[in-house]
Protein backbone atom coordinates (compact mmCIF):
# COMPACT_ATOMS: atom_id res chain seq x y z
CA MET A 1 -4.08 -23.22 209.24
CA SER A 2 -2.56 -21.08 212.05
CA GLY A 3 -3.54 -17.38 212.44
CA THR A 4 -0.47 -14.98 212.60
CA GLY A 5 1.21 -12.55 215.27
CA GLY A 6 3.29 -12.75 217.90
CA GLY A 7 6.75 -11.44 216.89
CA LEU A 8 6.32 -12.24 213.08
CA TRP A 9 7.33 -10.06 210.22
CA MET A 10 8.32 -10.01 206.74
CA GLU A 11 11.20 -9.02 205.41
CA VAL A 12 11.39 -7.20 201.74
CA LEU A 13 14.24 -9.34 199.75
CA ARG A 14 12.88 -7.76 196.34
CA PRO A 15 10.71 -4.93 196.68
CA GLY A 16 9.81 -4.83 192.52
CA ALA A 17 9.27 -1.65 190.50
CA LEU A 18 6.50 -0.25 192.48
CA THR A 19 5.42 -1.72 195.67
CA THR A 20 3.72 0.31 198.25
CA LEU A 21 1.31 -0.74 201.43
CA GLN A 22 -2.56 0.14 200.86
CA ASP A 23 -5.03 -0.25 202.78
CA GLN A 24 -9.04 1.33 201.75
CA GLY A 25 -7.15 4.76 202.32
CA ARG A 26 -7.86 7.92 204.11
CA PRO A 27 -11.05 9.68 203.21
CA GLY A 28 -12.54 12.70 204.44
CA HIS A 29 -9.55 14.76 204.40
CA ALA A 30 -9.67 16.47 201.30
CA HIS A 31 -10.67 19.49 203.35
CA LEU A 32 -6.76 19.34 204.95
CA GLY A 33 -5.31 19.06 201.24
CA VAL A 34 -4.87 15.20 201.97
CA PRO A 35 -5.69 12.54 199.16
CA ARG A 36 -7.50 9.71 199.61
CA SER A 37 -5.26 7.12 198.22
CA GLY A 38 -5.48 3.30 198.93
CA ALA A 39 -5.67 0.05 196.91
CA LEU A 40 -6.17 1.32 193.09
CA ASP A 41 -7.85 -2.02 192.73
CA ALA A 42 -10.35 -2.34 195.39
CA GLU A 43 -12.22 -5.39 195.16
CA ALA A 44 -8.76 -7.86 194.55
CA LEU A 45 -7.73 -5.82 198.01
CA ALA A 46 -10.98 -6.84 199.54
CA LEU A 47 -11.11 -10.58 197.96
CA ALA A 48 -6.86 -11.01 199.72
CA ASN A 49 -8.42 -10.20 203.22
CA ARG A 50 -11.50 -11.87 202.88
CA LEU A 51 -9.39 -15.47 202.07
CA LEU A 52 -7.38 -14.77 204.88
CA GLY A 53 -10.06 -13.88 207.14
CA ASN A 54 -8.74 -10.36 207.99
CA ARG A 55 -10.79 -6.90 208.35
CA PRO A 56 -11.95 -5.23 205.26
CA ASP A 57 -9.70 -2.21 206.22
CA THR A 58 -6.37 -4.09 206.45
CA ALA A 59 -3.34 -3.45 204.92
CA ALA A 60 -1.85 -5.40 202.30
CA LEU A 61 1.27 -4.55 199.71
CA GLU A 62 0.29 -3.25 195.87
CA THR A 63 2.82 -4.70 193.66
CA THR A 64 3.14 -3.22 190.13
CA LEU A 65 3.93 -5.75 187.31
CA ASP A 66 6.53 -7.38 188.05
CA GLY A 67 5.90 -8.78 191.68
CA THR A 68 7.93 -8.91 194.82
CA ALA A 69 9.56 -11.29 196.85
CA LEU A 70 9.48 -11.83 200.76
CA ARG A 71 10.91 -14.06 203.50
CA ALA A 72 8.75 -15.06 206.12
CA CYS A 73 10.23 -14.48 210.21
CA GLY A 74 9.78 -15.64 213.44
CA PRO A 75 10.02 -17.74 216.14
CA PRO A 76 10.90 -21.69 214.95
CA GLY A 77 8.17 -23.72 213.98
CA SER A 78 5.62 -20.15 213.36
CA GLY A 79 4.78 -19.06 210.05
CA VAL A 80 2.52 -16.87 208.50
CA VAL A 81 -0.45 -17.34 206.03
CA VAL A 82 -0.94 -15.26 202.48
CA ALA A 83 -2.78 -14.58 199.86
CA VAL A 84 -2.34 -12.98 196.13
CA THR A 85 -5.01 -11.42 193.90
CA GLY A 86 -5.36 -8.83 191.52
CA ALA A 87 -3.23 -9.42 188.35
CA PRO A 88 -2.88 -13.41 187.84
CA CYS A 89 1.08 -14.07 188.43
CA PRO A 90 3.43 -17.08 189.64
CA VAL A 91 3.84 -17.54 193.04
CA ARG A 92 6.60 -19.63 194.81
CA VAL A 93 7.63 -20.47 198.15
CA SER A 94 11.12 -21.41 198.65
CA GLY A 95 10.94 -22.09 194.79
CA ARG A 96 7.89 -24.54 194.90
CA PRO A 97 5.14 -23.34 192.90
CA VAL A 98 1.67 -22.47 195.09
CA ALA A 99 -1.55 -21.66 194.52
CA TRP A 100 -2.40 -17.94 193.22
CA GLY A 101 -5.84 -16.71 194.81
CA GLU A 102 -6.01 -19.07 197.73
CA PRO A 103 -4.74 -19.23 201.13
CA VAL A 104 -0.88 -20.45 201.63
CA ARG A 105 0.94 -20.71 204.81
CA ILE A 106 5.03 -19.56 204.46
CA PRO A 107 6.95 -21.04 207.13
CA ALA A 108 9.48 -18.92 209.00
CA GLY A 109 12.78 -18.34 206.68
CA ALA A 110 10.82 -20.07 203.55
CA GLU A 111 10.92 -17.09 201.19
CA LEU A 112 7.58 -15.89 198.84
CA ASP A 113 8.23 -14.81 195.43
CA VAL A 114 5.50 -13.09 193.39
CA GLY A 115 6.23 -13.09 189.70
CA ARG A 116 5.53 -10.93 187.35
CA ALA A 117 2.37 -10.50 186.34
CA ALA A 118 0.87 -12.35 183.36
CA SER A 119 -2.27 -10.24 182.88
CA GLY A 120 -3.19 -6.85 184.30
CA VAL A 121 -0.74 -4.92 186.46
CA ARG A 122 -1.23 -4.69 190.05
CA SER A 123 -1.49 -7.34 192.39
CA TYR A 124 -1.79 -7.88 196.23
CA VAL A 125 -0.12 -9.61 198.32
CA ALA A 126 -1.73 -9.82 202.11
CA VAL A 127 -1.06 -11.57 205.47
CA ARG A 128 -3.26 -13.05 207.52
CA GLY A 129 -3.31 -10.22 210.47
CA GLY A 130 -2.39 -7.76 207.97
CA PHE A 131 0.87 -5.28 207.69
CA ALA A 132 0.90 -3.38 210.85
CA VAL A 133 2.92 -0.62 210.11
CA ARG A 134 2.13 2.86 212.01
CA PRO A 135 -0.98 4.42 210.52
CA VAL A 136 -0.86 8.18 209.49
CA LEU A 137 -4.53 9.88 209.41
CA GLY A 138 -5.82 6.52 210.19
CA SER A 139 -4.85 4.79 207.44
CA ARG A 140 -1.14 2.56 206.46
CA SER A 141 -1.59 3.54 202.38
CA THR A 142 1.09 5.14 200.90
CA ASP A 143 0.13 8.00 198.47
CA VAL A 144 2.80 8.82 195.71
CA LEU A 145 2.02 12.24 195.40
CA SER A 146 1.74 13.71 198.67
CA GLY A 147 4.42 11.67 200.30
CA LEU A 148 1.71 10.34 203.19
CA GLY A 149 1.98 7.14 204.85
CA PRO A 150 4.99 4.47 205.20
CA PRO A 151 7.95 4.78 203.10
CA LEU A 152 8.31 2.34 199.98
CA PRO A 153 9.69 -0.86 201.23
CA GLU A 154 13.11 -1.14 200.08
CA ALA A 155 15.37 -4.40 200.17
CA GLY A 156 15.92 -5.13 203.97
CA THR A 157 12.88 -3.29 205.20
CA LEU A 158 10.97 -5.49 207.97
CA LEU A 159 7.41 -5.12 207.50
CA PRO A 160 5.45 -6.44 211.39
CA VAL A 161 2.64 -8.42 211.21
CA GLY A 162 -0.17 -8.17 213.39
CA PRO A 163 -2.33 -10.63 215.50
CA ALA A 164 -4.67 -12.48 213.54
CA GLY A 165 -8.58 -11.59 214.30
CA PRO A 166 -10.93 -14.21 214.97
CA ASP A 167 -12.19 -14.94 211.55
CA PRO A 168 -11.07 -18.06 209.78
CA VAL A 169 -9.46 -18.77 206.92
CA ARG A 170 -12.08 -19.01 203.81
CA GLY A 171 -10.28 -20.25 201.33
CA ALA A 172 -11.81 -20.66 197.74
CA ASP A 173 -15.04 -20.16 198.61
CA ALA A 174 -14.53 -16.25 197.80
CA LEU A 175 -15.58 -14.55 194.38
CA ARG A 176 -12.89 -14.42 191.97
CA VAL A 177 -11.86 -11.09 190.56
CA PRO A 178 -12.67 -10.32 187.08
CA ALA A 179 -10.23 -10.68 184.77
CA PRO A 180 -8.14 -7.81 183.43
CA PRO A 181 -10.35 -6.22 180.48
CA ALA A 182 -9.19 -6.38 177.19
CA GLU A 183 -10.99 -2.72 176.70
CA LEU A 184 -11.81 -0.77 179.41
CA VAL A 185 -15.23 0.49 179.56
CA LEU A 186 -15.49 3.58 181.82
CA PRO A 187 -19.45 4.99 182.50
CA LEU A 188 -18.84 8.93 182.54
CA ARG A 189 -21.06 11.16 184.59
CA PRO A 190 -21.62 14.59 183.39
CA GLY A 191 -19.70 17.77 184.81
CA PRO A 192 -18.78 19.94 186.54
CA ARG A 193 -17.49 21.47 183.47
CA ALA A 194 -18.78 19.36 180.65
CA ASP A 195 -20.00 22.90 178.99
CA TRP A 196 -16.39 24.09 178.48
CA PHE A 197 -16.31 21.28 175.45
CA SER A 198 -17.58 21.40 172.03
CA PRO A 199 -21.17 19.50 171.24
CA ALA A 200 -18.70 18.21 168.32
CA SER A 201 -16.07 16.84 171.21
CA LEU A 202 -18.43 15.46 173.39
CA ALA A 203 -19.67 13.46 170.73
CA ALA A 204 -16.66 12.74 169.37
CA LEU A 205 -15.86 11.30 173.42
CA TRP A 206 -18.57 9.03 173.17
CA ARG A 207 -18.08 7.78 169.12
CA SER A 208 -14.17 6.88 169.55
CA PRO A 209 -11.69 4.78 171.34
CA TYR A 210 -8.53 5.83 173.11
CA ARG A 211 -5.78 3.99 174.51
CA VAL A 212 -3.90 3.78 177.90
CA SER A 213 -0.81 5.69 177.60
CA PRO A 214 2.58 4.33 179.07
CA GLU A 215 2.33 7.63 181.38
CA SER A 216 -0.55 6.51 183.60
CA ASN A 217 0.25 5.49 187.30
CA ARG A 218 -1.22 5.65 190.66
CA ILE A 219 -2.05 9.52 190.17
CA GLY A 220 -4.02 8.93 186.98
CA LEU A 221 -4.47 6.56 183.90
CA ARG A 222 -3.96 8.92 181.02
CA THR A 223 -5.20 8.42 177.52
CA GLU A 224 -3.61 8.96 174.24
CA ALA A 225 -4.70 8.41 170.64
CA GLY A 226 -8.09 9.63 170.54
CA PRO A 227 -9.80 12.89 169.91
CA ARG A 228 -8.87 16.06 171.93
CA LEU A 229 -11.56 17.75 173.07
CA LEU A 230 -11.81 21.18 172.36
CA ARG A 231 -13.01 24.16 174.28
CA SER A 232 -16.32 25.96 173.73
CA CYS A 233 -14.73 28.90 175.64
CA GLY A 234 -11.78 30.87 176.53
CA GLY A 235 -10.11 31.50 179.39
CA GLU A 236 -8.92 29.66 182.68
CA LEU A 237 -10.96 28.17 186.00
CA PRO A 238 -9.54 28.63 189.52
CA SER A 239 -8.28 25.72 191.20
CA GLU A 240 -11.21 23.24 192.31
CA GLY A 241 -11.63 20.74 194.46
CA MET A 242 -10.72 17.06 192.72
CA VAL A 243 -12.38 13.33 193.33
CA LEU A 244 -11.77 9.70 192.72
CA GLY A 245 -12.34 9.44 189.10
CA ALA A 246 -12.80 12.60 188.09
CA VAL A 247 -11.54 13.36 183.77
CA GLN A 248 -9.67 15.91 184.24
CA VAL A 249 -9.01 17.69 180.22
CA PRO A 250 -5.42 18.87 180.15
CA PRO A 251 -4.60 21.66 177.48
CA ASP A 252 -3.42 18.52 174.83
CA GLY A 253 -7.17 17.44 175.01
CA LEU A 254 -6.88 13.71 175.95
CA PRO A 255 -8.56 12.83 179.00
CA VAL A 256 -6.83 11.84 182.35
CA VAL A 257 -9.12 9.61 184.44
CA PHE A 258 -7.97 10.56 188.54
CA LEU A 259 -6.98 7.17 190.52
CA ALA A 260 -6.49 6.74 194.41
CA ASP A 261 -3.32 9.43 194.46
CA HIS A 262 -4.88 11.85 192.35
CA PRO A 263 -4.47 16.05 193.80
CA VAL A 264 -6.96 17.51 195.53
CA THR A 265 -7.53 20.50 193.39
CA GLY A 266 -6.79 20.75 189.75
CA GLY A 267 -7.20 24.15 187.50
CA TYR A 268 -8.06 22.19 184.30
CA PRO A 269 -11.87 21.37 183.38
CA VAL A 270 -13.40 18.24 184.53
CA VAL A 271 -16.05 16.72 181.23
CA GLY A 272 -17.14 14.37 184.11
CA VAL A 273 -16.62 11.76 186.69
CA VAL A 274 -16.61 7.56 186.61
CA PRO A 275 -18.38 6.73 189.62
CA PRO A 276 -16.20 4.34 192.05
CA GLY A 277 -16.65 0.84 192.02
CA PRO A 278 -15.69 -2.19 189.10
CA ALA A 279 -15.17 0.35 186.28
CA LEU A 280 -11.97 2.18 188.18
CA ASP A 281 -11.22 -1.34 189.54
CA ALA A 282 -10.63 -2.41 186.60
CA ALA A 283 -8.58 1.09 185.22
CA ALA A 284 -6.65 -0.29 188.01
CA GLN A 285 -5.51 -3.39 186.10
CA ALA A 286 -5.45 -1.99 182.53
CA ARG A 287 -2.16 -1.85 180.30
CA PRO A 288 -0.58 0.26 178.46
CA GLY A 289 -2.08 0.36 175.00
CA VAL A 290 -5.60 -1.13 176.37
CA PRO A 291 -8.27 0.56 174.45
CA VAL A 292 -10.68 2.99 176.92
CA ARG A 293 -14.04 3.90 175.59
CA PHE A 294 -16.24 6.11 177.63
CA THR A 295 -19.76 5.64 178.06
CA ALA A 296 -22.28 8.47 178.99
CA ALA A 297 -24.06 7.67 182.39
CA GLY A 298 -27.13 10.10 183.88
CA TRP A 299 -26.45 12.61 180.09
């Protein structure tokens, strides 16, 4: 398959419910009040870039539930190579079914339709060479909380395609992303404010399941239908720094797991932290109603 770049674009025909540009985010700026952002399912983004021979930090589109549609634009005879990973979904080029999770060439003028997720939540649409929009603080990620990064694409938006790197398209030798979970199991490391909760509440946290709430988004995975965590001390905290995976407990007592667009500070106590890795990637694909269990890690 040929590379991309050299006056190639992707025109957005159907933006979908929530489609954003994402790469590995902009870590290291929390002291400036800037969240990390980046792809929620980091392994799915990494797989898409490996399939296409892109650098790991290359920007792709992250869709939510109902996919997106794009048109390849460029000189006659040119084209782009794309790969769709993350939540499994139907993929078509000018109405013809093509492979999900494999590199696919799209000639200039042809349309790519990424359909509704069959399972999971977020699919990743990568192009060889990446989407070469202007970076902000070193990242092309859209942060829905702060508004940093490129704006949400609309119908008619033209996304420039960058030049292909030296690595070849890899194809099917890359490892597959695990299927979206039937149950989300989150390892939880202690603190810093676990001592703000009663022993009975902490015991219930390990013993009883929650469910993913429909109010979840890129900022945090909210829970419902589980035991409410009761505080063992009164008063309020001053705002403290928040990290990816922090499990904050608001006044309703239902844990919230902070994801990539989380705020950098917060005033509710953090009962523990889910470390970055496969568990948070799985959280990105957990639909509303999926059972959630917290397991003690390092207590």
